[in-house]
């Protein structure tokens, strides 16, 4: 093999190796950003992995929202898909639309039997329900479960807002 052909072959080999490394890094990055969705029943049955970032969704159980007396940013509540209930802890400011009897999707990790949320997303109006939550609830209702009618009432804000008058 002459020198010119060897040089071209080396150039092709380095280009292919660089492309393979770039593809591997892209696949790794996409895998790290993937959050799998689990409803309350799947979590309660132990299908959700421990200490791995996942998304959990459901309706906030009425009467389950509790704030720590010494830390107003620490909140505990429960989510349900009307078949199972999962306790959730969250440290931070909840969205303005967060309320009992409303749909939420939270991103976080399972630690034991509790879901520790790092982010909580609330529905944007009383007619919206996250697609994963709606699908889960539809499947549960197909199994003969009928959620109580008060669970479908529009969300009630957990605090009143006051406007400034000039």
N, C-alpha and C. Protein backbone atom coordinates (compact mmCIF):
# COMPACT_ATOMS: atom_id res chain seq x y z
N UNK A 1 0.86 -1.16 0.00
CA UNK A 1 0.00 0.00 0.00
C UNK A 1 0.91 1.24 0.00
N UNK A 2 0.61 2.14 -0.94
CA UNK A 2 1.47 3.32 -1.03
C UNK A 2 1.06 4.37 0.00
N UNK A 3 1.84 5.39 0.14
CA UNK A 3 1.66 6.41 1.19
C UNK A 3 0.38 7.22 1.00
N UNK A 4 0.02 7.53 -0.24
CA UNK A 4 -1.19 8.32 -0.50
C UNK A 4 -2.43 7.53 -0.09
N UNK A 5 -2.48 6.26 -0.48
CA UNK A 5 -3.61 5.41 -0.14
C UNK A 5 -3.71 5.22 1.37
N UNK A 6 -2.58 5.04 2.05
CA UNK A 6 -2.56 4.88 3.50
C UNK A 6 -3.06 6.15 4.18
N UNK A 7 -2.67 7.31 3.67
CA UNK A 7 -3.11 8.57 4.24
C UNK A 7 -4.63 8.73 4.11
N UNK A 8 -5.18 8.37 2.93
CA UNK A 8 -6.62 8.45 2.72
C UNK A 8 -7.36 7.48 3.64
N UNK A 9 -6.83 6.29 3.78
CA UNK A 9 -7.44 5.29 4.65
C UNK A 9 -7.46 5.76 6.11
N UNK A 10 -6.38 6.35 6.56
CA UNK A 10 -6.31 6.88 7.93
C UNK A 10 -7.33 8.02 8.11
N UNK A 11 -7.45 8.87 7.10
CA UNK A 11 -8.41 9.98 7.17
C UNK A 11 -9.84 9.41 7.29
N UNK A 12 -10.16 8.41 6.50
CA UNK A 12 -11.49 7.79 6.56
C UNK A 12 -11.71 7.13 7.91
N UNK A 13 -10.71 6.44 8.43
CA UNK A 13 -10.84 5.76 9.72
C UNK A 13 -11.08 6.77 10.86
N UNK A 14 -10.33 7.86 10.89
CA UNK A 14 -10.52 8.88 11.92
C UNK A 14 -11.89 9.55 11.79
N UNK A 15 -12.34 9.78 10.58
CA UNK A 15 -13.67 10.38 10.36
C UNK A 15 -14.76 9.45 10.87
N UNK A 16 -14.69 8.16 10.55
CA UNK A 16 -15.67 7.19 11.02
C UNK A 16 -15.65 7.06 12.54
N UNK A 17 -14.45 7.04 13.12
CA UNK A 17 -14.34 6.95 14.58
C UNK A 17 -14.95 8.19 15.24
N UNK A 18 -14.70 9.36 14.70
CA UNK A 18 -15.27 10.60 15.23
C UNK A 18 -16.79 10.60 15.12
N UNK A 19 -17.31 10.14 13.99
CA UNK A 19 -18.76 10.08 13.80
C UNK A 19 -19.39 9.09 14.79
N UNK A 20 -18.73 7.95 15.00
CA UNK A 20 -19.25 6.95 15.94
C UNK A 20 -19.27 7.50 17.36
N UNK A 21 -18.23 8.22 17.74
CA UNK A 21 -18.19 8.83 19.08
C UNK A 21 -19.29 9.88 19.22
N UNK A 22 -19.50 10.69 18.17
CA UNK A 22 -20.55 11.72 18.22
C UNK A 22 -21.93 11.08 18.35
N UNK A 23 -22.19 10.02 17.61
CA UNK A 23 -23.48 9.33 17.69
C UNK A 23 -23.67 8.73 19.08
N UNK A 24 -22.62 8.13 19.62
CA UNK A 24 -22.72 7.53 20.97
C UNK A 24 -23.01 8.60 22.01
N UNK A 25 -22.39 9.76 21.92
CA UNK A 25 -22.64 10.84 22.87
C UNK A 25 -24.07 11.38 22.75
N UNK A 26 -24.58 11.49 21.53
CA UNK A 26 -25.96 11.96 21.34
C UNK A 26 -26.94 10.96 21.93
N UNK A 27 -26.75 9.68 21.69
CA UNK A 27 -27.63 8.65 22.24
C UNK A 27 -27.58 8.65 23.76
N UNK A 28 -26.41 8.80 24.33
CA UNK A 28 -26.26 8.86 25.79
C UNK A 28 -27.00 10.08 26.35
N UNK A 29 -26.86 11.24 25.71
CA UNK A 29 -27.51 12.46 26.19
C UNK A 29 -29.03 12.33 26.12
N UNK A 30 -29.54 11.74 25.06
CA UNK A 30 -30.99 11.56 24.94
C UNK A 30 -31.48 10.61 26.03
N UNK A 31 -30.73 9.56 26.29
CA UNK A 31 -31.12 8.61 27.34
C UNK A 31 -31.15 9.25 28.71
N UNK A 32 -30.26 10.19 28.96
CA UNK A 32 -30.22 10.86 30.26
C UNK A 32 -31.38 11.83 30.43
N UNK A 33 -31.94 12.34 29.34
CA UNK A 33 -33.03 13.30 29.41
C UNK A 33 -34.40 12.65 29.35
N UNK A 34 -34.47 11.35 29.19
CA UNK A 34 -35.74 10.65 29.09
C UNK A 34 -36.32 10.42 30.47
N UNK A 35 -37.55 10.88 30.66
CA UNK A 35 -38.27 10.66 31.92
C UNK A 35 -39.47 9.78 31.62
N UNK A 36 -39.54 8.62 32.23
CA UNK A 36 -40.65 7.72 32.00
C UNK A 36 -41.80 8.07 32.92
N UNK A 37 -43.02 7.99 32.40
CA UNK A 37 -44.22 8.35 33.14
C UNK A 37 -44.79 7.12 33.84
N UNK A 38 -45.17 7.30 35.11
CA UNK A 38 -45.82 6.25 35.89
C UNK A 38 -47.03 6.86 36.57
N UNK A 39 -48.16 6.15 36.54
CA UNK A 39 -49.32 6.62 37.29
C UNK A 39 -49.25 6.07 38.70
N UNK A 40 -50.19 6.47 39.54
CA UNK A 40 -50.14 6.10 40.96
C UNK A 40 -50.23 4.59 41.16
N UNK A 41 -51.01 3.90 40.34
CA UNK A 41 -51.14 2.45 40.47
C UNK A 41 -49.82 1.76 40.16
N UNK A 42 -49.15 2.17 39.08
CA UNK A 42 -47.86 1.57 38.73
C UNK A 42 -46.83 1.82 39.82
N UNK A 43 -46.85 3.00 40.41
CA UNK A 43 -45.91 3.32 41.48
C UNK A 43 -46.21 2.47 42.70
N UNK A 44 -47.49 2.37 43.07
CA UNK A 44 -47.87 1.60 44.25
C UNK A 44 -47.56 0.11 44.09
N UNK A 45 -47.58 -0.38 42.85
CA UNK A 45 -47.26 -1.79 42.59
C UNK A 45 -45.76 -2.03 42.50
N UNK A 46 -44.96 -0.99 42.64
CA UNK A 46 -43.51 -1.14 42.63
C UNK A 46 -42.88 -1.17 41.26
N UNK A 47 -43.61 -0.74 40.22
CA UNK A 47 -43.06 -0.75 38.86
C UNK A 47 -42.09 0.40 38.62
N UNK A 48 -42.19 1.46 39.40
CA UNK A 48 -41.31 2.62 39.22
C UNK A 48 -39.95 2.34 39.84
N UNK A 49 -38.87 2.68 39.13
CA UNK A 49 -37.53 2.43 39.68
C UNK A 49 -37.21 3.38 40.84
N UNK A 50 -36.43 2.89 41.77
CA UNK A 50 -36.00 3.70 42.91
C UNK A 50 -34.81 4.57 42.50
N UNK A 51 -34.77 5.79 43.00
CA UNK A 51 -33.65 6.72 42.80
C UNK A 51 -33.30 6.95 41.34
N UNK A 52 -34.29 6.92 40.45
CA UNK A 52 -34.11 7.26 39.05
C UNK A 52 -35.19 8.27 38.70
N UNK A 53 -34.83 9.30 37.94
CA UNK A 53 -35.77 10.37 37.62
C UNK A 53 -36.92 9.83 36.76
N UNK A 54 -38.14 10.08 37.22
CA UNK A 54 -39.34 9.67 36.51
C UNK A 54 -40.37 10.79 36.58
N UNK A 55 -41.47 10.62 35.86
CA UNK A 55 -42.60 11.53 35.96
C UNK A 55 -43.76 10.77 36.56
N UNK A 56 -44.43 11.38 37.52
CA UNK A 56 -45.59 10.78 38.16
C UNK A 56 -46.76 11.74 37.99
N UNK A 57 -47.91 11.20 37.68
CA UNK A 57 -49.06 12.06 37.46
C UNK A 57 -50.31 11.52 38.09
N UNK A 58 -51.24 12.41 38.31
CA UNK A 58 -52.53 12.04 38.88
C UNK A 58 -53.26 13.28 39.35
N UNK A 59 -54.30 13.04 40.10
CA UNK A 59 -55.08 14.12 40.68
C UNK A 59 -54.65 14.30 42.13
N UNK A 60 -54.56 15.55 42.58
CA UNK A 60 -54.20 15.83 43.96
C UNK A 60 -55.39 15.45 44.84
N UNK A 61 -55.15 14.61 45.82
CA UNK A 61 -56.20 14.13 46.71
C UNK A 61 -56.69 15.28 47.60
N UNK A 62 -58.00 15.43 47.68
CA UNK A 62 -58.59 16.49 48.51
C UNK A 62 -58.20 16.28 49.97
N UNK A 63 -57.75 17.35 50.62
CA UNK A 63 -57.37 17.30 52.03
C UNK A 63 -55.98 16.77 52.30
N UNK A 64 -55.21 16.49 51.25
CA UNK A 64 -53.89 15.89 51.46
C UNK A 64 -52.75 16.90 51.48
N UNK A 65 -53.01 18.14 51.09
CA UNK A 65 -51.94 19.14 51.01
C UNK A 65 -51.61 19.63 52.42
N UNK A 66 -50.35 19.42 52.82
CA UNK A 66 -49.89 19.85 54.14
C UNK A 66 -48.57 20.58 53.99
N UNK A 67 -48.48 21.73 54.61
CA UNK A 67 -47.25 22.52 54.60
C UNK A 67 -46.57 22.39 55.96
N UNK A 68 -45.26 22.35 55.94
CA UNK A 68 -44.50 22.28 57.19
C UNK A 68 -44.63 23.62 57.91
N UNK A 69 -44.89 23.62 59.21
CA UNK A 69 -45.07 24.88 59.93
C UNK A 69 -43.81 25.74 59.99
N UNK A 70 -42.64 25.13 60.01
CA UNK A 70 -41.41 25.91 60.12
C UNK A 70 -40.75 26.16 58.77
N UNK A 71 -41.25 25.56 57.69
CA UNK A 71 -40.69 25.76 56.35
C UNK A 71 -41.83 25.85 55.35
N UNK A 72 -42.24 27.06 54.97
CA UNK A 72 -43.40 27.20 54.09
C UNK A 72 -43.18 26.64 52.68
N UNK A 73 -41.94 26.38 52.30
CA UNK A 73 -41.68 25.83 50.98
C UNK A 73 -41.74 24.31 50.94
N UNK A 74 -41.82 23.68 52.09
CA UNK A 74 -41.89 22.22 52.16
C UNK A 74 -43.37 21.80 52.17
N UNK A 75 -43.75 21.04 51.14
CA UNK A 75 -45.15 20.65 50.97
C UNK A 75 -45.24 19.14 50.80
N UNK A 76 -46.24 18.57 51.43
CA UNK A 76 -46.55 17.15 51.25
C UNK A 76 -47.98 17.05 50.76
N UNK A 77 -48.20 16.19 49.77
CA UNK A 77 -49.55 15.93 49.28
C UNK A 77 -49.58 14.54 48.69
N UNK A 78 -50.73 14.11 48.25
CA UNK A 78 -50.87 12.78 47.66
C UNK A 78 -51.51 12.91 46.29
N UNK A 79 -51.10 12.03 45.38
CA UNK A 79 -51.73 11.98 44.06
C UNK A 79 -52.41 10.63 43.91
N UNK A 80 -53.47 10.63 43.11
CA UNK A 80 -54.23 9.40 42.90
C UNK A 80 -54.65 9.27 41.45
N UNK A 81 -54.85 8.05 41.03
CA UNK A 81 -55.49 7.78 39.74
C UNK A 81 -56.83 7.10 39.99
N UNK A 82 -57.35 7.26 41.20
CA UNK A 82 -58.62 6.73 41.69
C UNK A 82 -58.59 5.22 41.90
N UNK A 83 -57.40 4.65 41.81
CA UNK A 83 -57.23 3.24 42.16
C UNK A 83 -56.21 3.12 43.28
N UNK A 84 -55.13 3.88 43.19
CA UNK A 84 -54.08 3.89 44.21
C UNK A 84 -53.69 5.33 44.52
N UNK A 85 -53.06 5.51 45.66
CA UNK A 85 -52.62 6.83 46.10
C UNK A 85 -51.14 6.76 46.45
N UNK A 86 -50.40 7.81 46.07
CA UNK A 86 -48.96 7.87 46.33
C UNK A 86 -48.65 9.18 47.05
N UNK A 87 -47.92 9.13 48.19
CA UNK A 87 -47.52 10.36 48.86
C UNK A 87 -46.39 11.05 48.10
N UNK A 88 -46.45 12.38 48.06
CA UNK A 88 -45.47 13.19 47.34
C UNK A 88 -44.93 14.25 48.28
N UNK A 89 -43.62 14.47 48.26
CA UNK A 89 -43.03 15.61 48.97
C UNK A 89 -42.40 16.52 47.93
N UNK A 90 -42.46 17.81 48.21
CA UNK A 90 -41.91 18.81 47.29
C UNK A 90 -41.33 19.96 48.09
N UNK A 91 -40.17 20.41 47.69
CA UNK A 91 -39.50 21.54 48.33
C UNK A 91 -39.40 22.64 47.29
N UNK A 92 -40.23 23.67 47.43
CA UNK A 92 -40.19 24.77 46.47
C UNK A 92 -41.52 25.47 46.39
N UNK A 93 -41.62 26.38 45.43
CA UNK A 93 -42.84 27.15 45.23
C UNK A 93 -43.73 26.39 44.26
N UNK A 94 -44.95 26.11 44.69
CA UNK A 94 -45.89 25.41 43.82
C UNK A 94 -46.45 26.36 42.78
N UNK A 95 -46.86 25.83 41.63
CA UNK A 95 -47.47 26.68 40.61
C UNK A 95 -48.75 27.32 41.14
N UNK A 96 -49.12 28.48 40.61
CA UNK A 96 -50.32 29.18 41.06
C UNK A 96 -51.57 28.35 40.85
N UNK A 97 -51.61 27.51 39.84
CA UNK A 97 -52.80 26.73 39.54
C UNK A 97 -52.85 25.40 40.29
N UNK A 98 -51.87 25.14 41.15
CA UNK A 98 -51.87 23.91 41.94
C UNK A 98 -53.02 23.99 42.94
N UNK A 99 -53.84 22.95 42.97
CA UNK A 99 -54.96 22.91 43.91
C UNK A 99 -55.38 21.47 44.12
N UNK A 100 -56.11 21.24 45.20
CA UNK A 100 -56.66 19.92 45.44
C UNK A 100 -57.70 19.63 44.36
N UNK A 101 -57.88 18.35 44.05
CA UNK A 101 -58.80 17.89 43.01
C UNK A 101 -58.40 18.36 41.62
N UNK A 102 -57.13 18.68 41.41
CA UNK A 102 -56.68 19.08 40.08
C UNK A 102 -55.56 18.16 39.62
N UNK A 103 -55.37 18.10 38.32
CA UNK A 103 -54.35 17.23 37.76
C UNK A 103 -52.96 17.83 37.85
N UNK A 104 -51.98 17.00 38.16
CA UNK A 104 -50.59 17.42 38.21
C UNK A 104 -49.71 16.34 37.60
N UNK A 105 -48.57 16.78 37.09
CA UNK A 105 -47.51 15.87 36.69
C UNK A 105 -46.25 16.38 37.37
N UNK A 106 -45.58 15.50 38.11
CA UNK A 106 -44.38 15.88 38.86
C UNK A 106 -43.19 15.07 38.36
N UNK A 107 -42.04 15.71 38.33
CA UNK A 107 -40.80 15.04 37.97
C UNK A 107 -39.96 14.92 39.23
N UNK A 108 -39.44 13.72 39.46
CA UNK A 108 -38.64 13.50 40.66
C UNK A 108 -38.19 12.06 40.76
N UNK A 109 -37.92 11.61 41.99
CA UNK A 109 -37.41 10.25 42.22
C UNK A 109 -38.21 9.58 43.32
N UNK A 110 -38.33 8.28 43.21
CA UNK A 110 -38.94 7.48 44.27
C UNK A 110 -37.89 7.22 45.33
N UNK A 111 -38.26 7.47 46.58
CA UNK A 111 -37.39 7.14 47.71
C UNK A 111 -38.25 6.38 48.70
N UNK A 112 -38.13 5.07 48.64
CA UNK A 112 -38.99 4.21 49.45
C UNK A 112 -40.39 4.23 48.87
N UNK A 113 -41.37 4.54 49.71
CA UNK A 113 -42.77 4.59 49.27
C UNK A 113 -43.20 6.01 48.90
N UNK A 114 -42.29 6.98 49.03
CA UNK A 114 -42.62 8.38 48.79
C UNK A 114 -41.97 8.87 47.51
N UNK A 115 -42.73 9.66 46.74
CA UNK A 115 -42.20 10.29 45.54
C UNK A 115 -41.69 11.67 45.93
N UNK A 116 -40.40 11.92 45.72
CA UNK A 116 -39.78 13.21 46.04
C UNK A 116 -39.69 14.01 44.76
N UNK A 117 -40.53 15.02 44.64
CA UNK A 117 -40.63 15.80 43.41
C UNK A 117 -39.61 16.93 43.40
N UNK A 118 -39.04 17.16 42.25
CA UNK A 118 -38.15 18.29 42.05
C UNK A 118 -38.83 19.38 41.24
N UNK A 119 -39.91 19.00 40.54
CA UNK A 119 -40.68 19.93 39.73
C UNK A 119 -42.13 19.47 39.72
N UNK A 120 -43.05 20.42 39.87
CA UNK A 120 -44.48 20.11 39.85
C UNK A 120 -45.13 21.00 38.79
N UNK A 121 -45.83 20.35 37.87
CA UNK A 121 -46.56 21.06 36.83
C UNK A 121 -48.05 20.88 37.08
N UNK A 122 -48.80 21.99 37.04
CA UNK A 122 -50.25 21.94 37.27
C UNK A 122 -50.98 22.20 35.97
N UNK A 123 -52.21 21.78 35.92
CA UNK A 123 -53.03 22.01 34.73
C UNK A 123 -53.24 23.51 34.53
N UNK A 124 -53.58 23.91 33.30
CA UNK A 124 -53.68 25.34 33.04
C UNK A 124 -55.11 25.88 33.07
N UNK A 125 -56.12 25.04 33.03
CA UNK A 125 -57.49 25.48 33.28
C UNK A 125 -58.33 24.29 33.73
N UNK A 126 -59.57 24.52 34.09
CA UNK A 126 -60.36 23.44 34.66
C UNK A 126 -60.74 22.36 33.66
N UNK A 127 -60.55 22.59 32.37
CA UNK A 127 -60.89 21.59 31.37
C UNK A 127 -59.69 20.74 30.96
N UNK A 128 -58.50 21.13 31.36
CA UNK A 128 -57.30 20.43 30.91
C UNK A 128 -56.89 19.36 31.92
N UNK A 129 -56.42 18.25 31.39
CA UNK A 129 -55.85 17.19 32.22
C UNK A 129 -54.64 16.66 31.45
N UNK A 130 -53.50 16.49 32.10
CA UNK A 130 -52.34 15.97 31.39
C UNK A 130 -52.70 14.68 30.65
N UNK A 131 -52.23 14.49 29.41
CA UNK A 131 -52.63 13.33 28.62
C UNK A 131 -52.37 12.00 29.31
N UNK A 132 -51.24 11.89 30.02
CA UNK A 132 -50.93 10.64 30.70
C UNK A 132 -51.94 10.35 31.81
N UNK A 133 -52.35 11.40 32.52
CA UNK A 133 -53.32 11.24 33.60
C UNK A 133 -54.68 10.86 33.03
N UNK A 134 -55.08 11.52 31.95
CA UNK A 134 -56.38 11.22 31.33
C UNK A 134 -56.41 9.78 30.83
N UNK A 135 -55.32 9.33 30.21
CA UNK A 135 -55.26 7.96 29.71
C UNK A 135 -55.35 6.96 30.87
N UNK A 136 -54.60 7.24 31.94
CA UNK A 136 -54.61 6.35 33.10
C UNK A 136 -55.99 6.28 33.72
N UNK A 137 -56.65 7.42 33.86
CA UNK A 137 -57.98 7.44 34.46
C UNK A 137 -58.99 6.72 33.56
N UNK A 138 -58.85 6.89 32.24
CA UNK A 138 -59.75 6.22 31.31
C UNK A 138 -59.60 4.71 31.42
N UNK A 139 -58.35 4.24 31.52
CA UNK A 139 -58.10 2.80 31.66
C UNK A 139 -58.69 2.27 32.97
N UNK A 140 -58.54 3.02 34.05
CA UNK A 140 -59.08 2.59 35.33
C UNK A 140 -60.61 2.56 35.30
N UNK A 141 -61.23 3.53 34.64
CA UNK A 141 -62.69 3.53 34.54
C UNK A 141 -63.17 2.40 33.65
N UNK A 142 -62.37 1.99 32.68
CA UNK A 142 -62.73 0.86 31.83
C UNK A 142 -62.79 -0.41 32.66
N UNK A 143 -62.04 -0.47 33.74
CA UNK A 143 -62.03 -1.64 34.60
C UNK A 143 -63.20 -1.65 35.59
N UNK A 144 -64.14 -0.72 35.43
CA UNK A 144 -65.31 -0.71 36.29
C UNK A 144 -65.21 0.23 37.47
N UNK A 145 -64.10 0.94 37.61
CA UNK A 145 -63.96 1.88 38.72
C UNK A 145 -64.64 3.19 38.37
N UNK A 146 -65.41 3.72 39.27
CA UNK A 146 -66.06 5.00 39.05
C UNK A 146 -65.58 5.97 40.10
N UNK A 147 -64.82 6.98 39.69
CA UNK A 147 -64.34 7.95 40.68
C UNK A 147 -65.50 8.77 41.23
N UNK A 148 -65.40 9.19 42.49
CA UNK A 148 -66.45 10.01 43.06
C UNK A 148 -66.60 11.31 42.28
N UNK A 149 -67.83 11.81 42.19
CA UNK A 149 -68.10 12.98 41.37
C UNK A 149 -67.37 14.22 41.87
N UNK A 150 -67.12 14.33 43.18
CA UNK A 150 -66.43 15.52 43.69
C UNK A 150 -64.99 15.61 43.19
N UNK A 151 -64.45 14.49 42.70
CA UNK A 151 -63.09 14.53 42.16
C UNK A 151 -63.04 15.28 40.83
N UNK A 152 -64.18 15.43 40.17
CA UNK A 152 -64.21 16.10 38.87
C UNK A 152 -64.64 17.55 38.96
N UNK A 153 -64.84 18.06 40.16
CA UNK A 153 -65.18 19.47 40.31
C UNK A 153 -64.00 20.32 39.87
N UNK A 154 -64.26 21.53 39.35
CA UNK A 154 -63.14 22.41 38.99
C UNK A 154 -62.24 22.67 40.19
N UNK A 155 -61.00 22.93 39.91
CA UNK A 155 -60.01 23.15 40.96
C UNK A 155 -60.34 24.39 41.76
N UNK A 156 -60.13 24.31 43.05
CA UNK A 156 -60.30 25.44 43.95
C UNK A 156 -58.90 25.93 44.33
N UNK A 157 -58.63 27.20 44.20
CA UNK A 157 -57.31 27.68 44.59
C UNK A 157 -57.07 27.48 46.09
N UNK A 158 -55.81 27.19 46.46
CA UNK A 158 -55.52 26.95 47.87
C UNK A 158 -55.26 28.26 48.62
N UNK A 159 -55.18 29.35 47.88
CA UNK A 159 -55.00 30.64 48.53
C UNK A 159 -55.67 31.70 47.66
N UNK A 160 -56.05 32.78 48.29
CA UNK A 160 -56.67 33.88 47.55
C UNK A 160 -55.60 34.90 47.21
N UNK A 161 -55.72 35.49 46.04
CA UNK A 161 -54.80 36.53 45.64
C UNK A 161 -55.47 37.88 45.82
N UNK A 162 -54.70 38.85 46.21
CA UNK A 162 -55.23 40.19 46.39
C UNK A 162 -54.58 41.10 45.36
N UNK A 163 -55.36 41.98 44.80
CA UNK A 163 -54.82 42.92 43.81
C UNK A 163 -54.54 44.24 44.49
N UNK A 164 -53.53 44.91 44.01
CA UNK A 164 -53.16 46.21 44.54
C UNK A 164 -54.04 47.27 43.88
N UNK A 165 -54.57 48.18 44.67
CA UNK A 165 -55.37 49.27 44.12
C UNK A 165 -54.57 50.54 44.23
N UNK A 166 -54.65 51.33 43.18
CA UNK A 166 -53.87 52.57 43.18
C UNK A 166 -54.69 53.74 43.61
